[in-house]
């Protein structure tokens, strides 16, 4: 079985975004557009009428509010790490 990062639907851009999400110390310049693209590649993303996004990846569903600026905040990074790790897209997958 191949790791999630080796699956053909993940581009180099998606793998780079994964690396940024799991980077320590936490990166403060992860762009929302890159995160949304990654989430669309590994799960489902739907925008609600209130501007929030319903994101389902693996067993988890989260309601994410897009940032006012282009970069996501630290709390969203923490939430994304948990969601992606639960779906098998952990730091090892980002390094593949």
C-alpha atoms as a PDB file:
ATOM      1  CA  UNK A   1       0.000   0.000   0.000  1.00  0.00           C
ATOM      2  CA  UNK A   2       1.332   3.434  -0.888  1.00  0.00           C
ATOM      3  CA  UNK A   3       1.485   6.294   1.569  1.00  0.00           C
ATOM      4  CA  UNK A   4      -0.989   9.157   1.015  1.00  0.00           C
ATOM      5  CA  UNK A   5       1.767  11.509  -0.163  1.00  0.00           C
ATOM      6  CA  UNK A   6       2.698   9.062  -2.931  1.00  0.00           C
ATOM      7  CA  UNK A   7      -0.827   8.896  -4.305  1.00  0.00           C
ATOM      8  CA  UNK A   8      -1.075  10.499  -7.735  1.00  0.00           C
ATOM      9  CA  UNK A   9      -3.615  13.154  -6.724  1.00  0.00           C
ATOM     10  CA  UNK A  10      -1.098  14.953  -4.498  1.00  0.00           C
ATOM     11  CA  UNK A  11       1.040  17.373  -6.445  1.00  0.00           C
ATOM     12  CA  UNK A  12       4.397  18.711  -5.306  1.00  0.00           C
ATOM     13  CA  UNK A  13       2.530  21.851  -4.240  1.00  0.00           C
ATOM     14  CA  UNK A  14       0.245  19.755  -1.998  1.00  0.00           C
ATOM     15  CA  UNK A  15       3.206  17.901  -0.487  1.00  0.00           C
ATOM     16  CA  UNK A  16       4.945  21.240   0.206  1.00  0.00           C
ATOM     17  CA  UNK A  17       1.814  22.505   1.965  1.00  0.00           C
ATOM     18  CA  UNK A  18       1.745  19.308   4.057  1.00  0.00           C
ATOM     19  CA  UNK A  19       5.385  19.899   5.028  1.00  0.00           C
ATOM     20  CA  UNK A  20       4.575  23.466   6.069  1.00  0.00           C
ATOM     21  CA  UNK A  21       1.639  22.312   8.198  1.00  0.00           C
ATOM     22  CA  UNK A  22       3.727  19.732  10.061  1.00  0.00           C
ATOM     23  CA  UNK A  23       6.875  21.904  10.276  1.00  0.00           C
ATOM     24  CA  UNK A  24       8.303  22.641  13.735  1.00  0.00           C
ATOM     25  CA  UNK A  25       8.379  25.354  14.873  1.00  0.00           C
ATOM     26  CA  UNK A  26       5.000  26.208  13.388  1.00  0.00           C
ATOM     27  CA  UNK A  27       5.201  28.182  10.175  1.00  0.00           C
ATOM     28  CA  UNK A  28       3.308  31.485  10.202  1.00  0.00           C
ATOM     29  CA  UNK A  29       3.143  31.920   6.442  1.00  0.00           C
ATOM     30  CA  UNK A  30       0.916  29.080   5.241  1.00  0.00           C
ATOM     31  CA  UNK A  31      -1.487  30.485   2.691  1.00  0.00           C
ATOM     32  CA  UNK A  32      -5.188  29.691   2.972  1.00  0.00           C
ATOM     33  CA  UNK A  33      -5.468  29.089  -0.797  1.00  0.00           C
ATOM     34  CA  UNK A  34      -2.757  26.408  -0.621  1.00  0.00           C
ATOM     35  CA  UNK A  35      -4.452  24.776   2.386  1.00  0.00           C
ATOM     36  CA  UNK A  36      -7.831  24.787   0.660  1.00  0.00           C
ATOM     37  CA  UNK A  37      -6.312  23.208  -2.457  1.00  0.00           C
ATOM     38  CA  UNK A  38      -4.687  20.481  -0.331  1.00  0.00           C
ATOM     39  CA  UNK A  39      -7.945  19.800   1.528  1.00  0.00           C
ATOM     40  CA  UNK A  40      -9.841  19.533  -1.764  1.00  0.00           C
ATOM     41  CA  UNK A  41      -7.268  16.980  -2.962  1.00  0.00           C
ATOM     42  CA  UNK A  42      -7.475  14.765   0.151  1.00  0.00           C
ATOM     43  CA  UNK A  43     -11.107  15.249   1.162  1.00  0.00           C
ATOM     44  CA  UNK A  44     -14.174  17.346   0.488  1.00  0.00           C
ATOM     45  CA  UNK A  45     -14.601  21.081   0.959  1.00  0.00           C
ATOM     46  CA  UNK A  46     -17.902  22.955   0.727  1.00  0.00           C
ATOM     47  CA  UNK A  47     -18.487  26.645   1.379  1.00  0.00           C
ATOM     48  CA  UNK A  48     -21.498  27.474   3.530  1.00  0.00           C
ATOM     49  CA  UNK A  49     -23.744  30.501   3.157  1.00  0.00           C
ATOM     50  CA  UNK A  50     -22.051  32.150   6.173  1.00  0.00           C
ATOM     51  CA  UNK A  51     -18.605  32.019   4.532  1.00  0.00           C
ATOM     52  CA  UNK A  52     -17.285  29.109   6.617  1.00  0.00           C
ATOM     53  CA  UNK A  53     -16.105  25.889   5.013  1.00  0.00           C
ATOM     54  CA  UNK A  54     -17.225  22.365   5.880  1.00  0.00           C
ATOM     55  CA  UNK A  55     -14.130  20.190   5.459  1.00  0.00           C
ATOM     56  CA  UNK A  56     -14.184  16.383   5.639  1.00  0.00           C
ATOM     57  CA  UNK A  57     -10.914  14.470   5.569  1.00  0.00           C
ATOM     58  CA  UNK A  58     -10.889  10.822   6.571  1.00  0.00           C
ATOM     59  CA  UNK A  59     -12.995  10.315   9.704  1.00  0.00           C
ATOM     60  CA  UNK A  60     -13.068  14.018  10.685  1.00  0.00           C
ATOM     61  CA  UNK A  61     -15.304  16.914   9.696  1.00  0.00           C
ATOM     62  CA  UNK A  62     -14.415  20.468  10.698  1.00  0.00           C
ATOM     63  CA  UNK A  63     -15.984  23.870  10.155  1.00  0.00           C
ATOM     64  CA  UNK A  64     -13.192  26.247   9.186  1.00  0.00           C
ATOM     65  CA  UNK A  65     -13.416  30.001   8.932  1.00  0.00           C
ATOM     66  CA  UNK A  66     -11.092  31.393   6.286  1.00  0.00           C
ATOM     67  CA  UNK A  67      -8.597  33.933   7.620  1.00  0.00           C
ATOM     68  CA  UNK A  68      -9.039  37.645   6.993  1.00  0.00           C
ATOM     69  CA  UNK A  69      -5.456  37.767   5.706  1.00  0.00           C
ATOM     70  CA  UNK A  70      -3.917  35.322   3.227  1.00  0.00           C
ATOM     71  CA  UNK A  71      -2.204  33.162   5.904  1.00  0.00           C
ATOM     72  CA  UNK A  72      -3.826  30.765   8.367  1.00  0.00           C
ATOM     73  CA  UNK A  73      -3.336  31.163  12.122  1.00  0.00           C
ATOM     74  CA  UNK A  74      -1.637  28.808  14.577  1.00  0.00           C
ATOM     75  CA  UNK A  75      -4.907  27.323  15.867  1.00  0.00           C
ATOM     76  CA  UNK A  76      -5.902  26.312  12.343  1.00  0.00           C
ATOM     77  CA  UNK A  77      -2.483  24.672  11.887  1.00  0.00           C
ATOM     78  CA  UNK A  78      -3.105  22.635  15.068  1.00  0.00           C
ATOM     79  CA  UNK A  79      -6.581  21.622  13.850  1.00  0.00           C
ATOM     80  CA  UNK A  80      -5.254  20.693  10.409  1.00  0.00           C
ATOM     81  CA  UNK A  81      -2.434  18.607  11.891  1.00  0.00           C
ATOM     82  CA  UNK A  82      -4.939  16.550  13.887  1.00  0.00           C
ATOM     83  CA  UNK A  83      -7.331  16.141  10.968  1.00  0.00           C
ATOM     84  CA  UNK A  84      -4.632  15.217   8.459  1.00  0.00           C
ATOM     85  CA  UNK A  85      -2.839  12.873  10.885  1.00  0.00           C
ATOM     86  CA  UNK A  86      -6.127  11.041  11.610  1.00  0.00           C
ATOM     87  CA  UNK A  87      -6.571  10.536   7.848  1.00  0.00           C
ATOM     88  CA  UNK A  88      -3.031   9.159   7.396  1.00  0.00           C
ATOM     89  CA  UNK A  89      -1.399  12.333   6.103  1.00  0.00           C
ATOM     90  CA  UNK A  90       1.051  12.820   8.965  1.00  0.00           C
ATOM     91  CA  UNK A  91       4.579  14.203   8.980  1.00  0.00           C
ATOM     92  CA  UNK A  92       5.973  10.959   7.501  1.00  0.00           C
ATOM     93  CA  UNK A  93       3.622  11.280   4.529  1.00  0.00           C
ATOM     94  CA  UNK A  94       4.699  14.902   4.014  1.00  0.00           C
ATOM     95  CA  UNK A  95       8.343  13.814   3.807  1.00  0.00           C
ATOM     96  CA  UNK A  96       7.767  11.105   1.185  1.00  0.00           C
END
